[in-house]
Amino acid sequence: MDKLINDFSFGLFFWQILLFILLLWLLTKYAWKPILDAVNSREEGIKEALEQAEKAREEMAELKAGNEKILKEARAEREAMLKEARDIKDKLITEAKDEAKIQANNMIEMAKNSIELEKQSAITDLKNHVAELSVEIAEKVIKKELSAKDQQLDLIKKMLDEATLK
């Protein structure tokens, strides 16, 4: 019986090894290759996904740097525009002040000229009025003093002497 068990065990062992080898051969032929191909394919897919993620990260970094550069340029341009606007405002204010001063000086000069003309006109009117009054007074005085012929001749001589002296 022992022999039978041993023969049976040996036969069973032999068939198990034979089935194992056959299974290994079938797995190698039909299963290992598709499994390895699937694993390799999956590994390649993961590598590609990692590479794409790295590229995307680099592109994002480049975009961020580009955005920061654009923002800096926009800020610099804004500052330049504000400075230019302030300069234009200051220039316009200065020009307006200068123009106002020039107009004020012109108005003052015109007023001075007008005053001078009015003054000259008033002096001329005053001189004419004084001359008229003087002539009237002189006429009255002379009429009174020259009622005698002797007095007239003396006055004429005196006036001729004074006229030649001046």
C-alpha atoms as a PDB file:
ATOM      1  CA  MET A   1       0.000   0.000   0.000  1.00  0.00           C
ATOM      2  CA  ASP A   2       2.760   2.239   0.698  1.00  0.00           C
ATOM      3  CA  LYS A   3       3.986   1.560  -2.717  1.00  0.00           C
ATOM      4  CA  LEU A   4       0.653   2.330  -4.195  1.00  0.00           C
ATOM      5  CA  ILE A   5       0.490   5.557  -2.287  1.00  0.00           C
ATOM      6  CA  ASN A   6       4.019   6.336  -3.338  1.00  0.00           C
ATOM      7  CA  ASP A   7       3.267   5.520  -6.972  1.00  0.00           C
ATOM      8  CA  PHE A   8       0.124   7.515  -6.743  1.00  0.00           C
ATOM      9  CA  SER A   9       1.928  10.433  -5.107  1.00  0.00           C
ATOM     10  CA  PHE A  10       4.688  10.232  -7.666  1.00  0.00           C
ATOM     11  CA  GLY A  11       2.168  10.110 -10.520  1.00  0.00           C
ATOM     12  CA  LEU A  12       0.281  12.970  -8.981  1.00  0.00           C
ATOM     13  CA  PHE A  13       3.501  14.909  -8.500  1.00  0.00           C
ATOM     14  CA  PHE A  14       4.522  14.188 -12.092  1.00  0.00           C
ATOM     15  CA  TRP A  15       1.159  15.343 -13.435  1.00  0.00           C
ATOM     16  CA  GLN A  16       1.202  18.416 -11.269  1.00  0.00           C
ATOM     17  CA  ILE A  17       4.640  19.404 -12.566  1.00  0.00           C
ATOM     18  CA  LEU A  18       3.593  18.639 -16.113  1.00  0.00           C
ATOM     19  CA  LEU A  19       0.437  20.756 -15.681  1.00  0.00           C
ATOM     20  CA  PHE A  20       2.463  23.494 -14.030  1.00  0.00           C
ATOM     21  CA  ILE A  21       4.915  23.570 -16.945  1.00  0.00           C
ATOM     22  CA  LEU A  22       2.048  23.502 -19.405  1.00  0.00           C
ATOM     23  CA  LEU A  23       0.348  26.334 -17.504  1.00  0.00           C
ATOM     24  CA  LEU A  24       3.585  28.279 -17.479  1.00  0.00           C
ATOM     25  CA  TRP A  25       4.001  27.755 -21.204  1.00  0.00           C
ATOM     26  CA  LEU A  26       0.398  28.808 -21.897  1.00  0.00           C
ATOM     27  CA  LEU A  27       0.721  31.835 -19.621  1.00  0.00           C
ATOM     28  CA  THR A  28       3.977  32.789 -21.283  1.00  0.00           C
ATOM     29  CA  LYS A  29       2.565  32.318 -24.734  1.00  0.00           C
ATOM     30  CA  TYR A  30      -0.871  33.928 -24.243  1.00  0.00           C
ATOM     31  CA  ALA A  31      -1.058  35.779 -20.922  1.00  0.00           C
ATOM     32  CA  TRP A  32       2.356  37.162 -20.010  1.00  0.00           C
ATOM     33  CA  LYS A  33       2.831  39.077 -23.212  1.00  0.00           C
ATOM     34  CA  PRO A  34      -0.575  40.845 -23.083  1.00  0.00           C
ATOM     35  CA  ILE A  35      -0.123  41.461 -19.336  1.00  0.00           C
ATOM     36  CA  LEU A  36       3.395  42.831 -19.859  1.00  0.00           C
ATOM     37  CA  ASP A  37       2.191  44.868 -22.845  1.00  0.00           C
ATOM     38  CA  ALA A  38      -0.661  46.270 -20.740  1.00  0.00           C
ATOM     39  CA  VAL A  39       1.749  47.081 -17.874  1.00  0.00           C
ATOM     40  CA  ASN A  40       4.240  48.663 -20.298  1.00  0.00           C
ATOM     41  CA  SER A  41       1.435  50.554 -22.013  1.00  0.00           C
ATOM     42  CA  ARG A  42       0.174  51.771 -18.652  1.00  0.00           C
ATOM     43  CA  GLU A  43       3.714  52.760 -17.642  1.00  0.00           C
ATOM     44  CA  GLU A  44       4.147  54.707 -20.915  1.00  0.00           C
ATOM     45  CA  GLY A  45       0.780  56.388 -20.373  1.00  0.00           C
ATOM     46  CA  ILE A  46       1.830  57.451 -16.866  1.00  0.00           C
ATOM     47  CA  LYS A  47       5.185  58.744 -18.182  1.00  0.00           C
ATOM     48  CA  GLU A  48       3.409  60.730 -20.919  1.00  0.00           C
ATOM     49  CA  ALA A  49       0.924  62.114 -18.397  1.00  0.00           C
ATOM     50  CA  LEU A  50       3.803  63.173 -16.121  1.00  0.00           C
ATOM     51  CA  GLU A  51       5.630  64.783 -19.045  1.00  0.00           C
ATOM     52  CA  GLN A  52       2.466  66.620 -20.092  1.00  0.00           C
ATOM     53  CA  ALA A  53       1.914  67.747 -16.506  1.00  0.00           C
ATOM     54  CA  GLU A  54       5.515  69.020 -16.355  1.00  0.00           C
ATOM     55  CA  LYS A  55       5.053  70.837 -19.685  1.00  0.00           C
ATOM     56  CA  ALA A  56       1.791  72.326 -18.449  1.00  0.00           C
ATOM     57  CA  ARG A  57       3.514  73.445 -15.235  1.00  0.00           C
ATOM     58  CA  GLU A  58       6.322  75.060 -17.261  1.00  0.00           C
ATOM     59  CA  GLU A  59       3.790  76.740 -19.570  1.00  0.00           C
ATOM     60  CA  MET A  60       1.900  78.041 -16.533  1.00  0.00           C
ATOM     61  CA  ALA A  61       5.165  79.417 -15.109  1.00  0.00           C
ATOM     62  CA  GLU A  62       5.918  81.086 -18.464  1.00  0.00           C
ATOM     63  CA  LEU A  63       2.392  82.509 -18.633  1.00  0.00           C
ATOM     64  CA  LYS A  64       2.681  83.796 -15.086  1.00  0.00           C
ATOM     65  CA  ALA A  65       6.030  85.430 -15.890  1.00  0.00           C
ATOM     66  CA  GLY A  66       4.528  86.883 -19.076  1.00  0.00           C
ATOM     67  CA  ASN A  67       1.514  88.193 -17.166  1.00  0.00           C
ATOM     68  CA  GLU A  68       3.775  89.791 -14.554  1.00  0.00           C
ATOM     69  CA  LYS A  69       5.832  91.408 -17.315  1.00  0.00           C
ATOM     70  CA  ILE A  70       2.672  92.720 -18.983  1.00  0.00           C
ATOM     71  CA  LEU A  71       1.420  94.034 -15.627  1.00  0.00           C
ATOM     72  CA  LYS A  72       4.736  95.805 -14.988  1.00  0.00           C
ATOM     73  CA  GLU A  73       4.646  97.336 -18.456  1.00  0.00           C
ATOM     74  CA  ALA A  74       1.022  98.411 -17.973  1.00  0.00           C
ATOM     75  CA  ARG A  75       1.858  99.965 -14.597  1.00  0.00           C
ATOM     76  CA  ALA A  76       4.867 101.763 -16.073  1.00  0.00           C
ATOM     77  CA  GLU A  77       2.740 103.010 -18.968  1.00  0.00           C
ATOM     78  CA  ARG A  78       0.018 104.143 -16.570  1.00  0.00           C
ATOM     79  CA  GLU A  79       2.590 106.011 -14.456  1.00  0.00           C
ATOM     80  CA  ALA A  80       4.042 107.627 -17.576  1.00  0.00           C
ATOM     81  CA  MET A  81       0.568 108.702 -18.703  1.00  0.00           C
ATOM     82  CA  LEU A  82      -0.239 110.115 -15.268  1.00  0.00           C
ATOM     83  CA  LYS A  83       3.071 112.000 -15.186  1.00  0.00           C
ATOM     84  CA  GLU A  84       2.419 113.363 -18.664  1.00  0.00           C
ATOM     85  CA  ALA A  85      -1.106 114.416 -17.634  1.00  0.00           C
ATOM     86  CA  ARG A  86       0.290 116.165 -14.521  1.00  0.00           C
ATOM     87  CA  ASP A  87       2.910 117.928 -16.647  1.00  0.00           C
ATOM     88  CA  ILE A  88       0.272 119.051 -19.148  1.00  0.00           C
ATOM     89  CA  LYS A  89      -1.962 120.259 -16.294  1.00  0.00           C
ATOM     90  CA  ASP A  90       0.919 122.216 -14.734  1.00  0.00           C
ATOM     91  CA  LYS A  91       1.852 123.654 -18.118  1.00  0.00           C
ATOM     92  CA  LEU A  92      -1.752 124.721 -18.804  1.00  0.00           C
ATOM     93  CA  ILE A  93      -2.028 126.324 -15.365  1.00  0.00           C
ATOM     94  CA  THR A  94       1.268 128.164 -15.862  1.00  0.00           C
ATOM     95  CA  GLU A  95       0.216 129.329 -19.326  1.00  0.00           C
ATOM     96  CA  ALA A  96      -3.155 130.497 -17.992  1.00  0.00           C
ATOM     97  CA  LYS A  97      -1.454 132.419 -15.163  1.00  0.00           C
ATOM     98  CA  ASP A  98       1.006 134.002 -17.580  1.00  0.00           C
ATOM     99  CA  GLU A  99      -1.811 134.931 -19.966  1.00  0.00           C
ATOM    100  CA  ALA A 100      -3.818 136.399 -17.075  1.00  0.00           C
ATOM    101  CA  LYS A 101      -0.786 138.441 -15.963  1.00  0.00           C
ATOM    102  CA  ILE A 102      -0.245 139.705 -19.499  1.00  0.00           C
ATOM    103  CA  GLN A 103      -3.912 140.660 -19.843  1.00  0.00           C
ATOM    104  CA  ALA A 104      -3.892 142.323 -16.414  1.00  0.00           C
ATOM    105  CA  ASN A 105      -0.736 144.280 -17.311  1.00  0.00           C
ATOM    106  CA  ASN A 106      -2.310 145.288 -20.632  1.00  0.00           C
ATOM    107  CA  MET A 107      -5.471 146.422 -18.854  1.00  0.00           C
ATOM    108  CA  ILE A 108      -3.408 148.379 -16.305  1.00  0.00           C
ATOM    109  CA  GLU A 109      -1.366 149.967 -19.093  1.00  0.00           C
ATOM    110  CA  MET A 110      -4.537 150.845 -20.992  1.00  0.00           C
ATOM    111  CA  ALA A 111      -6.028 152.320 -17.817  1.00  0.00           C
ATOM    112  CA  LYS A 112      -2.848 154.365 -17.208  1.00  0.00           C
ATOM    113  CA  ASN A 113      -2.923 155.611 -20.793  1.00  0.00           C
ATOM    114  CA  SER A 114      -6.609 156.461 -20.477  1.00  0.00           C
ATOM    115  CA  ILE A 115      -5.964 158.270 -17.197  1.00  0.00           C
ATOM    116  CA  GLU A 116      -3.059 160.166 -18.765  1.00  0.00           C
ATOM    117  CA  LEU A 117      -5.231 161.160 -21.725  1.00  0.00           C
ATOM    118  CA  GLU A 118      -8.023 162.265 -19.395  1.00  0.00           C
ATOM    119  CA  LYS A 119      -5.494 164.192 -17.306  1.00  0.00           C
ATOM    120  CA  GLN A 120      -4.048 165.918 -20.393  1.00  0.00           C
ATOM    121  CA  SER A 121      -7.569 166.675 -21.588  1.00  0.00           C
ATOM    122  CA  ALA A 122      -8.497 168.072 -18.171  1.00  0.00           C
ATOM    123  CA  ILE A 123      -5.303 170.169 -18.044  1.00  0.00           C
ATOM    124  CA  THR A 124      -5.979 171.464 -21.550  1.00  0.00           C
ATOM    125  CA  ASP A 125      -9.565 172.284 -20.618  1.00  0.00           C
ATOM    126  CA  LEU A 126      -8.346 173.952 -17.437  1.00  0.00           C
ATOM    127  CA  LYS A 127      -5.723 175.970 -19.327  1.00  0.00           C
ATOM    128  CA  ASN A 128      -8.335 177.031 -21.878  1.00  0.00           C
ATOM    129  CA  HIS A 129     -10.726 177.994 -19.123  1.00  0.00           C
ATOM    130  CA  VAL A 130      -7.983 179.878 -17.237  1.00  0.00           C
ATOM    131  CA  ALA A 131      -6.989 181.598 -20.479  1.00  0.00           C
ATOM    132  CA  GLU A 132     -10.583 182.609 -21.124  1.00  0.00           C
ATOM    133  CA  LEU A 133     -10.927 183.871 -17.581  1.00  0.00           C
ATOM    134  CA  SER A 134      -7.607 185.666 -17.863  1.00  0.00           C
ATOM    135  CA  VAL A 135      -8.667 187.291 -21.121  1.00  0.00           C
ATOM    136  CA  GLU A 136     -11.980 188.343 -19.582  1.00  0.00           C
ATOM    137  CA  ILE A 137     -10.260 189.724 -16.483  1.00  0.00           C
ATOM    138  CA  ALA A 138      -7.607 191.416 -18.592  1.00  0.00           C
ATOM    139  CA  GLU A 139     -10.284 192.865 -20.828  1.00  0.00           C
ATOM    140  CA  LYS A 140     -12.142 194.287 -17.858  1.00  0.00           C
ATOM    141  CA  VAL A 141      -8.951 195.612 -16.266  1.00  0.00           C
ATOM    142  CA  ILE A 142      -7.709 197.111 -19.506  1.00  0.00           C
ATOM    143  CA  LYS A 143     -11.065 198.742 -20.199  1.00  0.00           C
ATOM    144  CA  LYS A 144     -10.960 200.290 -16.814  1.00  0.00           C
ATOM    145  CA  GLU A 145      -7.304 201.340 -16.976  1.00  0.00           C
ATOM    146  CA  LEU A 146      -7.276 202.393 -20.576  1.00  0.00           C
ATOM    147  CA  SER A 147     -10.034 204.794 -20.411  1.00  0.00           C
ATOM    148  CA  ALA A 148      -7.399 207.528 -20.811  1.00  0.00           C
ATOM    149  CA  LYS A 149      -5.245 207.806 -23.924  1.00  0.00           C
ATOM    150  CA  ASP A 150      -2.001 208.327 -21.986  1.00  0.00           C
ATOM    151  CA  GLN A 151      -2.476 205.146 -20.102  1.00  0.00           C
ATOM    152  CA  GLN A 152      -3.034 203.227 -23.360  1.00  0.00           C
ATOM    153  CA  LEU A 153       0.226 204.430 -24.861  1.00  0.00           C
ATOM    154  CA  ASP A 154       2.192 203.594 -21.695  1.00  0.00           C
ATOM    155  CA  LEU A 155       0.702 200.078 -21.601  1.00  0.00           C
ATOM    156  CA  ILE A 156       1.569 199.454 -25.276  1.00  0.00           C
ATOM    157  CA  LYS A 157       5.182 200.501 -24.720  1.00  0.00           C
ATOM    158  CA  LYS A 158       5.465 198.334 -21.656  1.00  0.00           C
ATOM    159  CA  MET A 159       4.088 195.307 -23.468  1.00  0.00           C
ATOM    160  CA  LEU A 160       6.448 195.802 -26.402  1.00  0.00           C
ATOM    161  CA  ASP A 161       9.413 196.010 -24.049  1.00  0.00           C
ATOM    162  CA  GLU A 162       8.388 192.828 -22.269  1.00  0.00           C
ATOM    163  CA  ALA A 163       7.736 190.989 -25.538  1.00  0.00           C
ATOM    164  CA  THR A 164      11.210 191.727 -26.864  1.00  0.00           C
ATOM    165  CA  LEU A 165      12.868 190.656 -23.613  1.00  0.00           C
ATOM    166  CA  LYS A 166      11.347 187.209 -23.548  1.00  0.00           C
END
